[in-house]
Protein backbone atom coordinates (compact mmCIF):
# COMPACT_ATOMS: atom_id res chain seq x y z
CA UNK A 1 0.00 0.00 0.00
CA UNK A 2 2.84 2.43 0.78
CA UNK A 3 4.29 1.95 -2.72
CA UNK A 4 0.90 2.89 -4.20
CA UNK A 5 0.74 5.99 -1.95
CA UNK A 6 4.27 6.98 -3.04
CA UNK A 7 3.25 6.68 -6.69
CA UNK A 8 0.13 8.77 -6.06
CA UNK A 9 2.19 11.42 -4.25
CA UNK A 10 4.76 11.49 -7.03
CA UNK A 11 2.13 11.84 -9.75
CA UNK A 12 0.41 14.49 -7.61
CA UNK A 13 3.62 16.52 -7.59
CA UNK A 14 3.86 16.28 -11.36
CA UNK A 15 0.22 17.32 -11.70
CA UNK A 16 0.84 20.35 -9.47
CA UNK A 17 3.86 21.36 -11.57
CA UNK A 18 1.85 21.03 -14.78
CA UNK A 19 -0.95 23.11 -13.26
CA UNK A 20 1.52 25.79 -12.15
CA UNK A 21 3.04 25.92 -15.63
CA UNK A 22 -0.42 26.15 -17.21
CA UNK A 23 -1.38 29.01 -14.89
CA UNK A 24 1.88 30.83 -15.67
CA UNK A 25 1.30 30.44 -19.42
CA UNK A 26 -2.27 31.68 -18.95
CA UNK A 27 -1.07 34.76 -17.05
CA UNK A 28 1.57 35.54 -19.70
CA UNK A 29 -0.91 35.15 -22.58
CA UNK A 30 -3.47 37.31 -20.80
CA UNK A 31 -0.87 40.01 -20.13
CA UNK A 32 0.19 39.86 -23.79
CA UNK A 33 -3.43 40.27 -24.92
CA UNK A 34 -3.85 43.29 -22.68
CA UNK A 35 -0.51 44.82 -23.64
CA UNK A 36 -0.89 44.31 -27.40
CA UNK A 37 -4.46 45.60 -27.69
CA UNK A 38 -5.78 47.18 -24.47
CA UNK A 39 -8.70 48.84 -26.30
CA UNK A 40 -10.10 45.47 -27.39
CA UNK A 41 -9.28 43.53 -24.24
CA UNK A 42 -12.85 43.63 -22.85
CA UNK A 43 -14.27 40.82 -25.08
CA UNK A 44 -11.18 38.71 -24.32
CA UNK A 45 -11.69 39.30 -20.60
CA UNK A 46 -15.33 38.30 -20.96
CA UNK A 47 -14.38 35.09 -22.79
CA UNK A 48 -11.76 34.24 -20.17
CA UNK A 49 -14.30 34.93 -17.41
CA UNK A 50 -16.90 32.65 -19.02
CA UNK A 51 -14.36 29.85 -19.53
CA UNK A 52 -13.29 30.15 -15.88
CA UNK A 53 -16.92 30.11 -14.70
CA UNK A 54 -17.59 26.95 -16.73
CA UNK A 55 -14.50 25.29 -15.25
CA UNK A 56 -15.39 26.38 -11.72
CA UNK A 57 -18.96 25.13 -12.06
CA UNK A 58 -17.87 21.81 -13.57
CA UNK A 59 -15.71 21.21 -10.52
CA UNK A 60 -18.33 22.47 -8.08
CA UNK A 61 -20.85 20.04 -9.56
CA UNK A 62 -18.47 17.07 -9.70
CA UNK A 63 -16.75 17.38 -6.30
CA UNK A 64 -19.85 16.71 -4.16
CA UNK A 65 -20.63 13.70 -6.39
CA UNK A 66 -17.22 12.35 -5.42
CA UNK A 67 -18.16 13.01 -1.78
CA UNK A 68 -21.34 10.93 -2.22
CA UNK A 69 -19.30 7.89 -3.23
CA UNK A 70 -16.44 8.62 -0.83
CA UNK A 71 -18.83 8.81 2.13
CA UNK A 72 -19.80 5.18 1.47
CA UNK A 73 -16.18 3.97 1.07
CA UNK A 74 -14.46 2.32 4.01
CA UNK A 75 -11.87 4.72 5.52
CA UNK A 76 -8.36 3.57 4.63
CA UNK A 77 -9.55 1.37 1.76
CA UNK A 78 -8.01 1.60 -1.70
CA UNK A 79 -11.24 3.14 -2.94
CA UNK A 80 -11.17 5.80 -0.22
CA UNK A 81 -7.53 6.62 -0.98
CA UNK A 82 -8.36 6.99 -4.69
CA UNK A 83 -11.21 9.39 -3.89
CA UNK A 84 -8.83 11.45 -1.72
CA UNK A 85 -6.46 11.90 -4.66
CA UNK A 86 -9.28 12.73 -7.06
CA UNK A 87 -10.83 15.28 -4.68
CA UNK A 88 -7.53 16.97 -3.87
CA UNK A 89 -6.50 17.27 -7.52
CA UNK A 90 -9.91 18.49 -8.64
CA UNK A 91 -9.88 21.16 -5.95
CA UNK A 92 -6.27 22.31 -6.36
CA UNK A 93 -5.80 22.00 -10.11
CA UNK A 94 -9.21 23.00 -11.45
CA UNK A 95 -11.64 24.47 -8.92
CA UNK A 96 -9.35 26.82 -6.99
CA UNK A 97 -7.62 28.40 -10.03
CA UNK A 98 -10.94 28.68 -11.88
CA UNK A 99 -12.53 30.46 -8.92
CA UNK A 100 -9.65 32.94 -8.67
CA UNK A 101 -9.76 33.67 -12.41
CA UNK A 102 -13.55 34.03 -12.26
CA UNK A 103 -13.30 36.58 -9.45
CA UNK A 104 -10.39 38.56 -10.96
CA UNK A 105 -11.93 38.89 -14.40
CA UNK A 106 -15.49 39.23 -13.08
CA UNK A 107 -14.55 42.17 -10.86
CA UNK A 108 -12.57 43.77 -13.69
CA UNK A 109 -15.55 43.37 -16.05
CA UNK A 110 -17.94 44.79 -13.43
CA UNK A 111 -15.70 47.82 -12.96
CA UNK A 112 -14.82 48.39 -16.62
CA UNK A 113 -18.21 47.55 -18.11
CA UNK A 114 -20.69 48.72 -15.49
CA UNK A 115 -18.81 50.84 -12.97
CA UNK A 116 -20.13 48.47 -10.29
CA UNK A 117 -23.63 49.89 -10.82
CA UNK A 118 -26.93 48.08 -11.20
CA UNK A 119 -29.03 46.17 -8.73
CA UNK A 120 -28.69 42.99 -10.78
CA UNK A 121 -24.91 43.26 -10.53
CA UNK A 122 -25.00 43.62 -6.76
CA UNK A 123 -27.32 40.60 -6.51
CA UNK A 124 -25.01 38.64 -8.83
CA UNK A 125 -21.97 39.47 -6.69
CA UNK A 126 -23.91 38.37 -3.60
CA UNK A 127 -24.76 35.06 -5.31
CA UNK A 128 -21.11 34.59 -6.34
CA UNK A 129 -20.10 35.29 -2.73
CA UNK A 130 -22.54 32.55 -1.66
CA UNK A 131 -21.03 30.21 -4.27
CA UNK A 132 -17.58 31.05 -2.90
CA UNK A 133 -18.86 30.12 0.56
CA UNK A 134 -20.00 26.75 -0.78
CA UNK A 135 -16.54 26.41 -2.34
CA UNK A 136 -15.04 26.98 1.11
CA UNK A 137 -17.36 24.35 2.59
CA UNK A 138 -16.25 21.87 -0.08
CA UNK A 139 -12.58 22.72 0.57
CA UNK A 140 -13.06 21.95 4.26
CA UNK A 141 -14.78 18.69 3.31
CA UNK A 142 -11.81 17.68 1.14
CA UNK A 143 -9.56 18.17 4.19
CA UNK A 144 -11.91 16.16 6.41
CA UNK A 145 -12.14 13.31 3.90
CA UNK A 146 -8.32 13.36 3.53
CA UNK A 147 -8.03 12.94 7.31
CA UNK A 148 -10.80 10.29 7.42
CA UNK A 149 -12.89 12.66 9.55
CA UNK A 150 -15.99 13.02 7.37
CA UNK A 151 -19.11 12.46 9.45
CA UNK A 152 -21.69 13.43 6.81
CA UNK A 153 -23.65 10.65 5.09
CA UNK A 154 -23.91 10.29 1.33
CA UNK A 155 -27.44 11.75 1.46
CA UNK A 156 -26.08 15.02 2.83
CA UNK A 157 -23.70 15.33 -0.10
CA UNK A 158 -26.51 14.53 -2.57
CA UNK A 159 -28.53 17.45 -1.19
CA UNK A 160 -25.55 19.81 -1.00
CA UNK A 161 -24.76 18.96 -4.61
CA UNK A 162 -27.82 20.98 -5.66
CA UNK A 163 -26.70 24.26 -4.08
CA UNK A 164 -24.16 25.20 -6.78
CA UNK A 165 -26.77 24.42 -9.44
CA UNK A 166 -29.36 26.72 -7.87
CA UNK A 167 -26.79 29.51 -7.46
CA UNK A 168 -25.61 29.06 -11.07
CA UNK A 169 -29.19 29.38 -12.37
CA UNK A 170 -29.72 32.53 -10.31
CA UNK A 171 -26.44 34.07 -11.51
CA UNK A 172 -27.14 33.33 -15.17
CA UNK A 173 -30.65 34.83 -14.92
CA UNK A 174 -29.27 37.95 -13.25
CA UNK A 175 -26.59 38.41 -15.93
CA UNK A 176 -28.75 37.68 -18.96
CA UNK A 177 -32.13 39.12 -17.93
CA UNK A 178 -30.86 41.94 -15.64
CA UNK A 179 -34.27 42.05 -13.92
CA UNK A 180 -33.49 45.15 -11.86
């Protein structure tokens, strides 16, 4: 079992390096876009924001599904250890960077495009804050599962899985319809 854990740790280190390199390349390309054509950066920023939101939401919808199955796995089992790796990588390599990019570009777009005005925008930011809170709850759950300290049943994670979906629907309606 220790050899398998060493292999998982080693591949986890490689995955983290690849993620760091990808983030660095992303930052450099974004800076180049802004530097080369600052007047037309807004649509690029919007595209980057949307891509980040899609990535963040994909992770936020998948992670609690992993929790559902992990909650039923025997602590210390091979299955449980596999879920730990999957959860940690999903959080660190996809969800966390996507959330940061979403916030950075979303706030820039709100400032540049709307001057932070509009009731719909304030409601959207509140909903994104709530989604960030759910993200924090999931991050804490990843730590608890990693330490074999999860006490929540699979049914809890099935119900919690719906929260990001409801918030996503609300956010999309606010952005597209701008009801107030």
